[in-house]
Amino acid sequence: MVEYNSKKGIKKLIKKLNDLENLERLKIAEEIAEAIEKGDLSENSEYKIAKENQRLLEIKIFNLKKKINNTRIIDLSKINTTKVSIFTKVKVKNIETGECIYYTLVPETESNIKKLKISIYTPIAKGLIGKKICEIAHIKLPNNKFVNLKILKIKLDKDSYTDS
């Protein structure tokens, strides 16, 4: 599956991969070595735990490499702000309550609900993507209820898309 990300987001993923490969692998190798020094491996629970941690780490590394290889960097200058898409900040109005709120649609790795940065894979984001100003998104939520959001404003969210 192709994923889209910012330069900032891909750098974060690469740093995490480097930490796993260079720091976490070393730490687990040391744990395994310590467990081996204690003798009989057939009854050594520390050794079994360390080996299981090593297996889980290798799965994480594999999955992260796969994610990085399948990531495409979004060019901010090519984002069309006439419709909702990734890296847009969208002002919506809940038709039922009248409440207005801004959501920023970001890659999953950059989501932060406290800052109202929602993953493009969330039901709300999926319902908003492709909509234009004045359109209403009819969104089915995970609790099987529906919410109707009217698009009031769409703009680029340059804070989410930084090169640093």
N, C-alpha and C. Protein backbone atom coordinates (compact mmCIF):
# COMPACT_ATOMS: atom_id res chain seq x y z
N MET A 1 0.84 -1.18 0.00
CA MET A 1 0.00 0.00 0.00
C MET A 1 0.89 1.25 0.00
N VAL A 2 0.65 2.14 -0.92
CA VAL A 2 1.40 3.38 -0.99
C VAL A 2 0.87 4.33 0.08
N GLU A 3 1.79 4.96 0.79
CA GLU A 3 1.43 5.96 1.79
C GLU A 3 2.05 7.28 1.37
N TYR A 4 1.43 8.36 1.80
CA TYR A 4 1.92 9.69 1.47
C TYR A 4 2.38 10.38 2.74
N ASN A 5 3.46 11.13 2.63
CA ASN A 5 4.03 11.74 3.81
C ASN A 5 4.73 13.03 3.42
N SER A 6 5.10 13.79 4.43
CA SER A 6 5.89 15.00 4.23
C SER A 6 7.36 14.64 4.39
N LYS A 7 8.23 15.57 4.02
CA LYS A 7 9.67 15.34 4.24
C LYS A 7 9.93 15.18 5.74
N LYS A 8 9.24 15.97 6.54
CA LYS A 8 9.37 15.89 7.99
C LYS A 8 8.96 14.50 8.49
N GLY A 9 7.86 14.00 7.98
CA GLY A 9 7.36 12.70 8.39
C GLY A 9 8.28 11.56 7.99
N ILE A 10 8.83 11.61 6.79
CA ILE A 10 9.72 10.54 6.33
C ILE A 10 11.03 10.58 7.12
N LYS A 11 11.51 11.78 7.46
CA LYS A 11 12.71 11.89 8.28
C LYS A 11 12.49 11.26 9.66
N LYS A 12 11.29 11.46 10.20
CA LYS A 12 10.94 10.89 11.50
C LYS A 12 10.94 9.36 11.44
N LEU A 13 10.40 8.82 10.35
CA LEU A 13 10.38 7.36 10.18
C LEU A 13 11.80 6.80 10.04
N ILE A 14 12.64 7.49 9.28
CA ILE A 14 14.02 7.03 9.08
C ILE A 14 14.79 7.08 10.41
N LYS A 15 14.57 8.13 11.20
CA LYS A 15 15.24 8.21 12.51
C LYS A 15 14.79 7.06 13.40
N LYS A 16 13.50 6.77 13.39
CA LYS A 16 12.98 5.67 14.20
C LYS A 16 13.61 4.34 13.76
N LEU A 17 13.72 4.15 12.45
CA LEU A 17 14.34 2.93 11.92
C LEU A 17 15.80 2.83 12.37
N ASN A 18 16.53 3.93 12.26
CA ASN A 18 17.94 3.94 12.70
C ASN A 18 18.07 3.61 14.18
N ASP A 19 17.17 4.17 15.00
CA ASP A 19 17.20 3.88 16.43
C ASP A 19 16.95 2.40 16.70
N LEU A 20 15.98 1.84 15.99
CA LEU A 20 15.68 0.42 16.18
C LEU A 20 16.85 -0.46 15.75
N GLU A 21 17.42 -0.14 14.59
CA GLU A 21 18.51 -0.96 14.06
C GLU A 21 19.80 -0.81 14.86
N ASN A 22 20.10 0.39 15.32
CA ASN A 22 21.39 0.63 15.97
C ASN A 22 21.35 0.60 17.49
N LEU A 23 20.30 1.08 18.10
CA LEU A 23 20.24 1.12 19.56
C LEU A 23 19.51 -0.09 20.14
N GLU A 24 18.31 -0.33 19.64
CA GLU A 24 17.50 -1.42 20.20
C GLU A 24 18.12 -2.79 19.91
N ARG A 25 18.64 -2.98 18.70
CA ARG A 25 19.29 -4.25 18.39
C ARG A 25 20.47 -4.51 19.33
N LEU A 26 21.26 -3.47 19.58
CA LEU A 26 22.41 -3.60 20.47
C LEU A 26 21.97 -3.96 21.88
N LYS A 27 20.93 -3.29 22.36
CA LYS A 27 20.42 -3.54 23.70
C LYS A 27 19.95 -5.00 23.83
N ILE A 28 19.23 -5.48 22.85
CA ILE A 28 18.74 -6.87 22.90
C ILE A 28 19.89 -7.86 22.78
N ALA A 29 20.88 -7.54 21.95
CA ALA A 29 22.05 -8.42 21.83
C ALA A 29 22.76 -8.54 23.19
N GLU A 30 22.83 -7.44 23.92
CA GLU A 30 23.44 -7.46 25.25
C GLU A 30 22.61 -8.30 26.22
N GLU A 31 21.29 -8.19 26.13
CA GLU A 31 20.41 -8.99 26.99
C GLU A 31 20.59 -10.48 26.70
N ILE A 32 20.70 -10.83 25.42
CA ILE A 32 20.90 -12.23 25.03
C ILE A 32 22.25 -12.73 25.56
N ALA A 33 23.28 -11.90 25.41
CA ALA A 33 24.62 -12.30 25.88
C ALA A 33 24.62 -12.52 27.39
N GLU A 34 23.96 -11.64 28.14
CA GLU A 34 23.88 -11.80 29.59
C GLU A 34 23.15 -13.08 29.96
N ALA A 35 22.08 -13.38 29.23
CA ALA A 35 21.30 -14.59 29.52
C ALA A 35 22.12 -15.84 29.21
N ILE A 36 22.91 -15.81 28.13
CA ILE A 36 23.74 -16.95 27.76
C ILE A 36 24.79 -17.23 28.84
N GLU A 37 25.33 -16.16 29.41
CA GLU A 37 26.34 -16.31 30.46
C GLU A 37 25.79 -17.05 31.68
N LYS A 38 24.48 -17.03 31.86
CA LYS A 38 23.88 -17.67 33.03
C LYS A 38 23.73 -19.18 32.85
N GLY A 39 24.14 -19.69 31.71
CA GLY A 39 24.16 -21.14 31.54
C GLY A 39 22.95 -21.71 30.84
N ASP A 40 22.58 -22.93 31.23
CA ASP A 40 21.55 -23.77 30.63
C ASP A 40 20.42 -22.96 29.98
N LEU A 41 20.43 -22.91 28.63
CA LEU A 41 19.45 -22.11 27.90
C LEU A 41 18.06 -22.75 27.86
N SER A 42 18.00 -24.06 28.04
CA SER A 42 16.71 -24.74 27.95
C SER A 42 15.76 -24.33 29.07
N GLU A 43 16.31 -23.91 30.21
CA GLU A 43 15.46 -23.50 31.33
C GLU A 43 15.69 -22.03 31.70
N ASN A 44 16.26 -21.28 30.80
CA ASN A 44 16.60 -19.89 31.07
C ASN A 44 15.50 -18.98 30.54
N SER A 45 14.62 -18.51 31.41
CA SER A 45 13.51 -17.66 30.97
C SER A 45 14.00 -16.31 30.45
N GLU A 46 15.07 -15.78 31.01
CA GLU A 46 15.61 -14.50 30.54
C GLU A 46 16.04 -14.62 29.07
N TYR A 47 16.65 -15.74 28.73
CA TYR A 47 17.09 -15.97 27.36
C TYR A 47 15.87 -16.04 26.42
N LYS A 48 14.86 -16.79 26.83
CA LYS A 48 13.65 -16.93 26.00
C LYS A 48 12.97 -15.58 25.79
N ILE A 49 12.91 -14.79 26.84
CA ILE A 49 12.29 -13.45 26.74
C ILE A 49 13.11 -12.56 25.81
N ALA A 50 14.41 -12.59 25.95
CA ALA A 50 15.29 -11.76 25.11
C ALA A 50 15.16 -12.17 23.64
N LYS A 51 15.10 -13.48 23.38
CA LYS A 51 14.95 -13.96 22.00
C LYS A 51 13.60 -13.55 21.42
N GLU A 52 12.55 -13.57 22.24
CA GLU A 52 11.23 -13.14 21.78
C GLU A 52 11.24 -11.64 21.49
N ASN A 53 11.90 -10.87 22.36
CA ASN A 53 12.03 -9.42 22.12
C ASN A 53 12.79 -9.15 20.83
N GLN A 54 13.80 -9.97 20.57
CA GLN A 54 14.58 -9.83 19.34
C GLN A 54 13.69 -10.11 18.12
N ARG A 55 12.87 -11.15 18.21
CA ARG A 55 11.96 -11.49 17.10
C ARG A 55 10.98 -10.35 16.84
N LEU A 56 10.40 -9.81 17.90
CA LEU A 56 9.44 -8.71 17.76
C LEU A 56 10.10 -7.46 17.19
N LEU A 57 11.34 -7.20 17.61
CA LEU A 57 12.08 -6.05 17.09
C LEU A 57 12.31 -6.20 15.59
N GLU A 58 12.70 -7.38 15.16
CA GLU A 58 12.96 -7.62 13.74
C GLU A 58 11.68 -7.45 12.91
N ILE A 59 10.55 -7.81 13.47
CA ILE A 59 9.27 -7.59 12.78
C ILE A 59 9.00 -6.09 12.65
N LYS A 60 9.24 -5.34 13.73
CA LYS A 60 9.06 -3.87 13.68
C LYS A 60 9.96 -3.25 12.62
N ILE A 61 11.22 -3.68 12.59
CA ILE A 61 12.17 -3.15 11.61
C ILE A 61 11.71 -3.47 10.19
N PHE A 62 11.30 -4.70 9.97
CA PHE A 62 10.82 -5.11 8.65
C PHE A 62 9.64 -4.25 8.21
N ASN A 63 8.65 -4.09 9.10
CA ASN A 63 7.45 -3.32 8.76
C ASN A 63 7.76 -1.85 8.53
N LEU A 64 8.69 -1.31 9.30
CA LEU A 64 9.06 0.10 9.13
C LEU A 64 9.79 0.31 7.80
N LYS A 65 10.68 -0.61 7.44
CA LYS A 65 11.36 -0.53 6.15
C LYS A 65 10.36 -0.60 5.00
N LYS A 66 9.39 -1.48 5.14
CA LYS A 66 8.35 -1.63 4.13
C LYS A 66 7.56 -0.32 3.98
N LYS A 67 7.22 0.27 5.13
CA LYS A 67 6.47 1.54 5.12
C LYS A 67 7.28 2.64 4.45
N ILE A 68 8.56 2.73 4.79
CA ILE A 68 9.42 3.76 4.19
C ILE A 68 9.54 3.56 2.69
N ASN A 69 9.71 2.32 2.27
CA ASN A 69 9.84 2.02 0.84
C ASN A 69 8.57 2.32 0.06
N ASN A 70 7.43 2.25 0.73
CA ASN A 70 6.15 2.50 0.05
C ASN A 70 5.64 3.93 0.25
N THR A 71 6.47 4.79 0.83
CA THR A 71 6.06 6.16 1.09
C THR A 71 6.44 7.07 -0.07
N ARG A 72 5.52 7.92 -0.44
CA ARG A 72 5.76 8.94 -1.46
C ARG A 72 5.68 10.29 -0.76
N ILE A 73 6.64 11.15 -1.07
CA ILE A 73 6.67 12.48 -0.46
C ILE A 73 5.76 13.41 -1.25
N ILE A 74 4.91 14.10 -0.53
CA ILE A 74 3.97 15.04 -1.13
C ILE A 74 4.67 16.37 -1.41
N ASP A 75 4.48 16.89 -2.60
CA ASP A 75 5.00 18.20 -2.97
C ASP A 75 3.91 19.23 -2.64
N LEU A 76 4.17 20.05 -1.64
CA LEU A 76 3.20 21.03 -1.16
C LEU A 76 2.67 21.93 -2.28
N SER A 77 3.53 22.27 -3.22
CA SER A 77 3.11 23.18 -4.29
C SER A 77 2.07 22.55 -5.22
N LYS A 78 1.91 21.25 -5.16
CA LYS A 78 0.96 20.58 -6.04
C LYS A 78 -0.38 20.28 -5.38
N ILE A 79 -0.53 20.68 -4.12
CA ILE A 79 -1.79 20.43 -3.42
C ILE A 79 -2.84 21.43 -3.88
N ASN A 80 -3.98 20.91 -4.28
CA ASN A 80 -5.09 21.71 -4.77
C ASN A 80 -5.98 22.07 -3.59
N THR A 81 -6.08 23.36 -3.28
CA THR A 81 -6.87 23.77 -2.12
C THR A 81 -8.33 24.08 -2.48
N THR A 82 -8.76 23.70 -3.69
CA THR A 82 -10.18 23.85 -4.00
C THR A 82 -10.98 22.68 -3.45
N LYS A 83 -10.27 21.64 -3.02
CA LYS A 83 -10.94 20.50 -2.40
C LYS A 83 -10.09 19.97 -1.25
N VAL A 84 -10.70 19.27 -0.34
CA VAL A 84 -10.03 18.74 0.83
C VAL A 84 -9.10 17.60 0.42
N SER A 85 -7.85 17.66 0.91
CA SER A 85 -6.89 16.59 0.66
C SER A 85 -5.88 16.56 1.80
N ILE A 86 -4.92 15.68 1.69
CA ILE A 86 -3.88 15.57 2.71
C ILE A 86 -3.15 16.92 2.82
N PHE A 87 -2.76 17.28 4.02
CA PHE A 87 -2.08 18.53 4.36
C PHE A 87 -2.93 19.78 4.14
N THR A 88 -4.24 19.59 4.13
CA THR A 88 -5.11 20.77 4.13
C THR A 88 -5.73 20.91 5.51
N LYS A 89 -5.94 22.16 5.87
CA LYS A 89 -6.62 22.49 7.13
C LYS A 89 -8.03 22.89 6.72
N VAL A 90 -9.00 22.20 7.30
CA VAL A 90 -10.38 22.35 6.86
C VAL A 90 -11.24 22.86 8.01
N LYS A 91 -11.95 23.95 7.76
CA LYS A 91 -12.91 24.43 8.75
C LYS A 91 -14.27 23.85 8.38
N VAL A 92 -14.86 23.13 9.34
CA VAL A 92 -16.16 22.51 9.09
C VAL A 92 -17.16 22.96 10.14
N LYS A 93 -18.42 22.87 9.76
CA LYS A 93 -19.50 23.20 10.69
C LYS A 93 -20.38 21.97 10.83
N ASN A 94 -20.57 21.53 12.08
CA ASN A 94 -21.46 20.43 12.35
C ASN A 94 -22.89 20.94 12.14
N ILE A 95 -23.58 20.37 11.17
CA ILE A 95 -24.92 20.85 10.80
C ILE A 95 -25.90 20.72 11.97
N GLU A 96 -25.80 19.65 12.75
CA GLU A 96 -26.74 19.42 13.84
C GLU A 96 -26.50 20.36 15.03
N THR A 97 -25.23 20.57 15.39
CA THR A 97 -24.93 21.35 16.60
C THR A 97 -24.55 22.81 16.31
N GLY A 98 -24.18 23.09 15.08
CA GLY A 98 -23.73 24.44 14.73
C GLY A 98 -22.29 24.72 15.10
N GLU A 99 -21.62 23.74 15.74
CA GLU A 99 -20.23 23.91 16.17
C GLU A 99 -19.30 23.93 14.96
N CYS A 100 -18.33 24.85 15.00
CA CYS A 100 -17.31 24.92 13.95
C CYS A 100 -15.98 24.43 14.52
N ILE A 101 -15.22 23.73 13.69
CA ILE A 101 -13.95 23.17 14.13
C ILE A 101 -13.01 23.06 12.93
N TYR A 102 -11.72 23.18 13.20
CA TYR A 102 -10.70 22.99 12.16
C TYR A 102 -10.09 21.60 12.32
N TYR A 103 -9.99 20.87 11.24
CA TYR A 103 -9.25 19.62 11.19
C TYR A 103 -8.12 19.76 10.19
N THR A 104 -6.97 19.21 10.50
CA THR A 104 -5.88 19.13 9.55
C THR A 104 -5.70 17.67 9.19
N LEU A 105 -5.71 17.37 7.90
CA LEU A 105 -5.57 16.00 7.44
C LEU A 105 -4.10 15.71 7.17
N VAL A 106 -3.59 14.71 7.86
CA VAL A 106 -2.16 14.39 7.81
C VAL A 106 -1.96 12.88 7.65
N PRO A 107 -0.73 12.46 7.32
CA PRO A 107 -0.44 11.02 7.31
C PRO A 107 -0.61 10.44 8.71
N GLU A 108 -0.84 9.16 8.77
CA GLU A 108 -1.06 8.49 10.05
C GLU A 108 0.07 8.75 11.04
N THR A 109 1.30 8.80 10.54
CA THR A 109 2.46 8.97 11.42
C THR A 109 2.52 10.36 12.05
N GLU A 110 1.76 11.31 11.52
CA GLU A 110 1.80 12.68 12.05
C GLU A 110 0.51 13.08 12.76
N SER A 111 -0.40 12.13 12.93
CA SER A 111 -1.68 12.48 13.56
C SER A 111 -1.47 12.83 15.04
N ASN A 112 -2.28 13.76 15.51
CA ASN A 112 -2.22 14.22 16.90
C ASN A 112 -3.59 14.80 17.22
N ILE A 113 -4.42 14.00 17.87
CA ILE A 113 -5.80 14.40 18.11
C ILE A 113 -5.89 15.66 18.96
N LYS A 114 -4.94 15.87 19.87
CA LYS A 114 -4.97 17.08 20.71
C LYS A 114 -4.82 18.34 19.85
N LYS A 115 -4.07 18.23 18.76
CA LYS A 115 -3.88 19.37 17.86
C LYS A 115 -4.85 19.34 16.69
N LEU A 116 -5.82 18.41 16.75
CA LEU A 116 -6.83 18.21 15.70
C LEU A 116 -6.18 17.88 14.34
N LYS A 117 -5.06 17.18 14.40
CA LYS A 117 -4.41 16.67 13.19
C LYS A 117 -4.83 15.21 13.07
N ILE A 118 -5.71 14.94 12.11
CA ILE A 118 -6.27 13.60 12.02
C ILE A 118 -5.71 12.85 10.82
N SER A 119 -5.52 11.57 11.02
CA SER A 119 -5.01 10.70 9.96
C SER A 119 -5.99 10.66 8.80
N ILE A 120 -5.45 10.61 7.60
CA ILE A 120 -6.31 10.53 6.42
C ILE A 120 -7.09 9.22 6.37
N TYR A 121 -6.77 8.29 7.27
CA TYR A 121 -7.47 7.01 7.30
C TYR A 121 -8.63 6.98 8.30
N THR A 122 -8.86 8.08 9.02
CA THR A 122 -9.98 8.12 9.97
C THR A 122 -11.29 8.31 9.20
N PRO A 123 -12.40 7.88 9.79
CA PRO A 123 -13.69 8.06 9.11
C PRO A 123 -13.99 9.51 8.76
N ILE A 124 -13.66 10.44 9.67
CA ILE A 124 -13.93 11.86 9.38
C ILE A 124 -13.11 12.32 8.18
N ALA A 125 -11.82 12.02 8.17
CA ALA A 125 -10.97 12.44 7.06
C ALA A 125 -11.43 11.81 5.74
N LYS A 126 -11.75 10.52 5.78
CA LYS A 126 -12.22 9.85 4.57
C LYS A 126 -13.48 10.51 4.02
N GLY A 127 -14.35 10.95 4.94
CA GLY A 127 -15.57 11.63 4.51
C GLY A 127 -15.34 13.02 3.96
N LEU A 128 -14.27 13.67 4.43
CA LEU A 128 -13.99 15.04 3.98
C LEU A 128 -13.19 15.09 2.68
N ILE A 129 -12.34 14.10 2.45
CA ILE A 129 -11.45 14.13 1.28
C ILE A 129 -12.26 14.26 -0.01
N GLY A 130 -11.82 15.21 -0.83
CA GLY A 130 -12.45 15.44 -2.12
C GLY A 130 -13.59 16.44 -2.11
N LYS A 131 -14.05 16.81 -0.92
CA LYS A 131 -15.16 17.76 -0.82
C LYS A 131 -14.66 19.18 -1.06
N LYS A 132 -15.57 20.03 -1.55
CA LYS A 132 -15.25 21.43 -1.83
C LYS A 132 -16.01 22.32 -0.85
N ILE A 133 -15.65 23.59 -0.82
CA ILE A 133 -16.32 24.56 0.05
C ILE A 133 -17.82 24.56 -0.24
N CYS A 134 -18.60 24.60 0.81
CA CYS A 134 -20.08 24.59 0.82
C CYS A 134 -20.68 23.20 0.64
N GLU A 135 -19.87 22.18 0.35
CA GLU A 135 -20.40 20.83 0.27
C GLU A 135 -20.58 20.27 1.68
N ILE A 136 -21.47 19.30 1.79
CA ILE A 136 -21.71 18.66 3.08
C ILE A 136 -21.22 17.21 3.00
N ALA A 137 -20.41 16.85 3.99
CA ALA A 137 -19.92 15.48 4.09
C ALA A 137 -20.81 14.73 5.06
N HIS A 138 -21.40 13.63 4.60
CA HIS A 138 -22.22 12.76 5.44
C HIS A 138 -21.31 11.61 5.87
N ILE A 139 -20.94 11.60 7.14
CA ILE A 139 -19.90 10.69 7.62
C ILE A 139 -20.46 9.70 8.64
N LYS A 140 -20.20 8.41 8.37
CA LYS A 140 -20.58 7.37 9.33
C LYS A 140 -19.43 7.18 10.29
N LEU A 141 -19.70 7.34 11.58
CA LEU A 141 -18.69 7.20 12.63
C LEU A 141 -18.60 5.74 13.08
N PRO A 142 -17.51 5.39 13.77
CA PRO A 142 -17.35 4.00 14.25
C PRO A 142 -18.48 3.50 15.14
N ASN A 143 -19.18 4.41 15.83
CA ASN A 143 -20.30 4.01 16.70
C ASN A 143 -21.61 3.86 15.92
N ASN A 144 -21.51 3.84 14.58
CA ASN A 144 -22.64 3.70 13.65
C ASN A 144 -23.59 4.89 13.64
N LYS A 145 -23.16 6.00 14.24
CA LYS A 145 -23.94 7.24 14.13
C LYS A 145 -23.39 8.02 12.95
N PHE A 146 -24.16 9.00 12.50
CA PHE A 146 -23.74 9.82 11.38
C PHE A 146 -23.55 11.26 11.84
N VAL A 147 -22.62 11.95 11.17
CA VAL A 147 -22.43 13.37 11.41
C VAL A 147 -22.38 14.04 10.04
N ASN A 148 -22.99 15.22 9.96
CA ASN A 148 -23.00 15.99 8.72
C ASN A 148 -22.16 17.23 8.92
N LEU A 149 -21.09 17.34 8.16
CA LEU A 149 -20.17 18.46 8.29
C LEU A 149 -20.15 19.27 7.01
N LYS A 150 -20.40 20.56 7.14
CA LYS A 150 -20.36 21.46 5.99
C LYS A 150 -18.96 22.06 5.89
N ILE A 151 -18.37 22.03 4.71
CA ILE A 151 -17.04 22.57 4.49
C ILE A 151 -17.15 24.09 4.37
N LEU A 152 -16.46 24.81 5.27
CA LEU A 152 -16.49 26.27 5.25
C LEU A 152 -15.23 26.89 4.67
N LYS A 153 -14.09 26.25 4.90
CA LYS A 153 -12.82 26.83 4.47
C LYS A 153 -11.80 25.70 4.26
N ILE A 154 -10.96 25.86 3.25
CA ILE A 154 -9.87 24.91 2.99
C ILE A 154 -8.61 25.71 2.73
N LYS A 155 -7.54 25.35 3.43
CA LYS A 155 -6.27 26.01 3.17
C LYS A 155 -5.13 25.03 3.42
N LEU A 156 -3.96 25.34 2.91
CA LEU A 156 -2.79 24.52 3.16
C LEU A 156 -2.39 24.66 4.61
N ASP A 157 -1.94 23.58 5.20
CA ASP A 157 -1.44 23.64 6.56
C ASP A 157 0.08 23.53 6.50
N LYS A 158 0.72 24.65 6.37
CA LYS A 158 2.18 24.67 6.20
C LYS A 158 2.91 24.21 7.46
N ASP A 159 2.26 24.28 8.62
CA ASP A 159 2.89 23.81 9.85
C ASP A 159 3.08 22.30 9.83
N SER A 160 2.17 21.59 9.18
CA SER A 160 2.29 20.14 9.11
C SER A 160 3.33 19.72 8.07
N TYR A 161 3.56 20.59 7.14
CA TYR A 161 4.46 20.23 6.04
C TYR A 161 5.69 21.11 6.10
N THR A 162 6.65 20.67 6.89
CA THR A 162 7.91 21.42 6.99
C THR A 162 9.06 20.52 6.59
N ASP A 163 10.11 21.12 6.11
CA ASP A 163 11.28 20.35 5.67
C ASP A 163 12.19 19.98 6.83
N SER A 164 11.96 20.57 7.99
CA SER A 164 12.85 20.31 9.12
C SER A 164 12.52 19.02 9.82
